[in-house]
Amino acid sequence: MAYVKAVAKTGAVPLLLPTCTPPSMWPEMLKKVNALILSGGGDPDARLYGSEADPRQGYVQPDRDSMELYLARYSLRHKLPLLGICRGAQIMAIAQGGTLYQDITDIAAVQHMQKAPRNYPIHQVRVLKNTLLYQITGRKSFRVNSFHHQAVKNVGKGMRVSAVAADGIIEAIELPHHPFALGVQWHPEWLLNQRHAFSLFKAMVKAASTC
């Protein structure tokens, strides 16, 4: 699994938290970790942000939604380092009261569901200055891979945008005044040969070691 390899490459120990565990075990699971990654996957259910499911919404996993929302809210409130990837970034926004575009086909002007290998950067993102993402990467822009038909619409309370695509689609969000709370719409676990991608995992592990 690409996520496991990415974490292991930093020297940290990867642990997988299964979604089949009952809610009563979630607090105990959190005691075993120093940081969290919310990975990519299917669409969050639109009801989580007060909407009806659009016909273009994909397959939803209610048990996963419930667990990941709990993990995200806990991490954001208790300063546990958190990296959200693709769906994970969307869950972070929802956790703070944000909303999603259920399908960006009609507003996208770049290829967000790429027709290329997973490790191929298909489009560019622009990084906003004075953000954690800029601090970590030191880059005003770079190219990323892309596998999503949904995207963050409103970032939620206290969150801010840290990167956008050329068509204005939000590509990264973060929570200021948190040791490390960053969500990216791309998949850095498949771009480890790119310095900007691996630096995200290294920064998360560094934050975990100091919290």
Protein backbone atom coordinates (compact mmCIF):
# COMPACT_ATOMS: atom_id res chain seq x y z
CA MET A 1 0.00 0.00 0.00
CA ALA A 2 1.41 3.36 -1.05
CA TYR A 3 0.42 5.10 2.20
CA VAL A 4 2.26 2.53 4.32
CA LYS A 5 5.38 2.82 2.19
CA ALA A 6 5.31 6.61 2.40
CA VAL A 7 5.12 6.60 6.20
CA ALA A 8 7.74 3.87 6.55
CA LYS A 9 10.11 5.80 4.29
CA THR A 10 10.17 8.62 6.87
CA GLY A 11 11.27 6.16 9.55
CA ALA A 12 7.93 6.27 11.35
CA VAL A 13 5.90 3.14 12.12
CA PRO A 14 2.66 2.86 10.10
CA LEU A 15 -0.46 1.50 11.84
CA LEU A 16 -3.76 0.81 10.09
CA LEU A 17 -7.01 1.62 11.90
CA PRO A 18 -9.83 -0.63 10.62
CA THR A 19 -13.23 0.95 10.09
CA CYS A 20 -15.00 -2.21 11.26
CA THR A 21 -14.15 -1.43 14.89
CA PRO A 22 -17.03 -0.22 17.13
CA PRO A 23 -17.14 3.47 18.11
CA SER A 24 -16.39 2.58 21.72
CA MET A 25 -12.87 1.57 20.64
CA TRP A 26 -12.02 4.73 18.70
CA PRO A 27 -10.73 6.74 21.69
CA GLU A 28 -8.50 3.83 22.70
CA MET A 29 -7.14 3.54 19.16
CA LEU A 30 -6.22 7.21 19.21
CA LYS A 31 -4.07 6.65 22.30
CA LYS A 32 -1.79 4.43 20.19
CA VAL A 33 -0.92 7.00 17.51
CA ASN A 34 1.10 10.22 17.36
CA ALA A 35 -0.39 11.44 14.07
CA LEU A 36 -3.14 10.50 11.62
CA ILE A 37 -3.49 10.20 7.86
CA LEU A 38 -7.00 10.24 6.43
CA SER A 39 -6.58 8.49 3.09
CA GLY A 40 -8.29 8.77 -0.25
CA GLY A 41 -11.33 6.73 -1.18
CA GLY A 42 -14.99 7.03 -2.11
CA ASP A 43 -17.31 10.00 -1.73
CA PRO A 44 -18.39 11.27 1.69
CA ASP A 45 -22.17 11.14 2.03
CA ALA A 46 -23.73 14.51 1.17
CA ARG A 47 -25.96 14.34 4.24
CA LEU A 48 -22.83 14.98 6.35
CA TYR A 49 -22.83 18.57 5.13
CA GLY A 50 -26.58 19.10 4.95
CA SER A 51 -27.24 18.20 1.31
CA GLU A 52 -29.17 15.55 -0.58
CA ALA A 53 -27.17 13.09 -2.64
CA ASP A 54 -26.68 14.34 -6.19
CA PRO A 55 -27.24 11.69 -8.90
CA ARG A 56 -23.50 11.94 -9.61
CA GLN A 57 -22.44 11.18 -6.04
CA GLY A 58 -20.46 7.95 -5.92
CA TYR A 59 -20.64 4.96 -3.59
CA VAL A 60 -20.70 5.95 0.08
CA GLN A 61 -19.47 4.04 3.16
CA PRO A 62 -21.46 5.17 6.23
CA ASP A 63 -19.27 3.31 8.75
CA ARG A 64 -16.11 4.84 7.31
CA ASP A 65 -17.71 8.30 7.21
CA SER A 66 -18.64 8.07 10.89
CA MET A 67 -15.24 6.89 12.04
CA GLU A 68 -13.22 9.34 9.95
CA LEU A 69 -15.34 12.31 11.00
CA TYR A 70 -14.70 11.34 14.62
CA LEU A 71 -10.96 11.01 13.98
CA ALA A 72 -10.83 14.33 12.12
CA ARG A 73 -12.75 16.25 14.76
CA TYR A 74 -10.64 14.76 17.53
CA SER A 75 -7.41 15.58 15.72
CA LEU A 76 -8.43 19.13 14.94
CA ARG A 77 -9.63 19.88 18.46
CA HIS A 78 -6.86 18.08 20.36
CA LYS A 79 -3.92 19.22 18.22
CA LEU A 80 -3.08 15.74 16.93
CA PRO A 81 -1.08 16.07 13.67
CA LEU A 82 -3.38 15.28 10.75
CA LEU A 83 -2.74 14.84 7.04
CA GLY A 84 -5.82 14.46 4.84
CA ILE A 85 -5.35 13.10 1.34
CA CYS A 86 -8.03 13.54 -1.36
CA ARG A 87 -11.18 12.24 0.42
CA GLY A 88 -9.30 12.88 3.66
CA ALA A 89 -9.05 16.59 2.88
CA GLN A 90 -12.78 16.66 2.17
CA ILE A 91 -13.51 14.96 5.50
CA MET A 92 -11.42 17.63 7.24
CA ALA A 93 -13.52 20.37 5.67
CA ILE A 94 -16.78 18.62 6.61
CA ALA A 95 -15.53 18.17 10.17
CA GLN A 96 -15.30 21.96 10.44
CA GLY A 97 -18.73 22.57 8.94
CA GLY A 98 -17.57 22.91 5.34
CA THR A 99 -19.27 21.66 2.18
CA LEU A 100 -18.31 19.90 -1.04
CA TYR A 101 -19.03 20.12 -4.73
CA GLN A 102 -20.59 16.70 -5.32
CA ASP A 103 -19.30 16.74 -8.87
CA ILE A 104 -16.94 19.25 -10.49
CA THR A 105 -17.39 18.15 -14.09
CA ASP A 106 -19.29 21.31 -15.06
CA ILE A 107 -16.85 23.74 -13.42
CA ALA A 108 -13.47 22.05 -13.97
CA ALA A 109 -11.13 23.38 -16.64
CA VAL A 110 -8.22 21.05 -15.96
CA GLN A 111 -8.13 17.26 -15.74
CA HIS A 112 -8.92 16.39 -12.12
CA MET A 113 -9.64 12.73 -12.89
CA GLN A 114 -6.47 12.06 -14.78
CA LYS A 115 -5.99 9.72 -17.71
CA ALA A 116 -2.40 8.85 -16.89
CA PRO A 117 -0.41 6.62 -14.48
CA ARG A 118 -0.94 7.32 -10.78
CA ASN A 119 2.60 8.62 -10.35
CA TYR A 120 2.33 11.13 -13.20
CA PRO A 121 1.73 14.80 -12.23
CA ILE A 122 -1.08 15.92 -14.54
CA HIS A 123 -1.70 19.55 -13.55
CA GLN A 124 -0.24 22.44 -11.64
CA VAL A 125 -1.33 23.89 -8.31
CA ARG A 126 -0.60 27.38 -6.99
CA VAL A 127 0.43 27.54 -3.35
CA LEU A 128 -0.64 30.55 -1.32
CA LYS A 129 2.06 32.33 0.65
CA ASN A 130 2.02 32.50 4.44
CA THR A 131 0.56 28.98 4.65
CA LEU A 132 1.83 25.79 6.22
CA LEU A 133 1.95 24.19 2.77
CA TYR A 134 4.23 26.95 1.49
CA GLN A 135 6.38 26.67 4.59
CA ILE A 136 6.80 22.92 4.08
CA THR A 137 7.42 22.88 0.33
CA GLY A 138 9.03 26.27 -0.20
CA ARG A 139 7.30 26.35 -3.57
CA LYS A 140 4.86 28.81 -5.15
CA SER A 141 3.65 26.11 -7.53
CA PHE A 142 4.24 22.50 -8.54
CA ARG A 143 2.54 19.75 -10.50
CA VAL A 144 0.41 17.06 -8.88
CA ASN A 145 -1.52 13.93 -9.77
CA SER A 146 -5.30 14.01 -9.55
CA PHE A 147 -8.07 11.43 -9.02
CA HIS A 148 -11.23 13.17 -7.84
CA HIS A 149 -14.62 14.27 -9.15
CA GLN A 150 -15.58 16.03 -5.91
CA ALA A 151 -13.85 18.96 -4.21
CA VAL A 152 -14.10 21.26 -1.23
CA LYS A 153 -16.57 24.10 -1.82
CA ASN A 154 -16.53 25.86 1.57
CA VAL A 155 -13.58 25.07 3.82
CA GLY A 156 -15.42 25.31 7.13
CA LYS A 157 -14.93 27.24 10.34
CA GLY A 158 -11.36 28.32 11.00
CA MET A 159 -9.94 26.58 7.94
CA ARG A 160 -8.18 28.36 5.09
CA VAL A 161 -7.26 27.55 1.51
CA SER A 162 -3.56 26.91 0.94
CA ALA A 163 -3.50 25.85 -2.74
CA VAL A 164 -5.72 26.07 -5.82
CA ALA A 165 -5.69 24.67 -9.35
CA ALA A 166 -5.66 26.89 -12.43
CA ASP A 167 -9.46 26.61 -12.67
CA GLY A 168 -9.95 27.76 -9.09
CA ILE A 169 -10.73 24.34 -7.61
CA ILE A 170 -9.44 24.15 -4.04
CA GLU A 171 -6.43 21.83 -3.87
CA ALA A 172 -5.28 22.19 -0.26
CA ILE A 173 -6.70 23.38 3.04
CA GLU A 174 -5.24 23.81 6.51
CA LEU A 175 -6.13 24.84 10.04
CA PRO A 176 -3.95 27.69 11.34
CA HIS A 177 -2.73 27.63 14.95
CA HIS A 178 -2.59 23.83 14.87
CA PRO A 179 0.73 21.91 15.01
CA PHE A 180 -0.06 20.19 11.70
CA ALA A 181 -3.51 20.01 10.10
CA LEU A 182 -3.20 19.90 6.31
CA GLY A 183 -5.44 18.43 3.63
CA VAL A 184 -4.37 18.01 0.01
CA GLN A 185 -6.57 17.00 -2.89
CA TRP A 186 -3.80 15.16 -4.73
CA HIS A 187 -2.03 11.89 -3.82
CA PRO A 188 1.51 12.56 -2.55
CA GLU A 189 1.95 8.88 -1.61
CA TRP A 190 2.33 8.17 -5.33
CA LEU A 191 4.78 11.04 -5.90
CA LEU A 192 7.52 10.25 -3.38
CA ASN A 193 10.20 10.98 -5.96
CA GLN A 194 8.93 14.57 -5.94
CA ARG A 195 10.45 16.58 -3.09
CA HIS A 196 7.26 18.55 -2.45
CA ALA A 197 5.30 15.31 -1.97
CA PHE A 198 7.65 13.47 0.39
CA SER A 199 8.14 16.65 2.41
CA LEU A 200 4.48 16.44 3.50
CA PHE A 201 5.02 13.08 5.19
CA LYS A 202 8.30 14.20 6.74
CA ALA A 203 6.66 17.35 8.11
CA MET A 204 3.81 15.34 9.61
CA VAL A 205 6.24 12.97 11.34
CA LYS A 206 8.29 15.90 12.63
CA ALA A 207 5.14 17.47 14.06
CA ALA A 208 4.21 14.16 15.68
CA SER A 209 7.58 13.94 17.38
CA THR A 210 7.25 17.38 18.95
CA CYS A 211 3.60 17.29 20.08
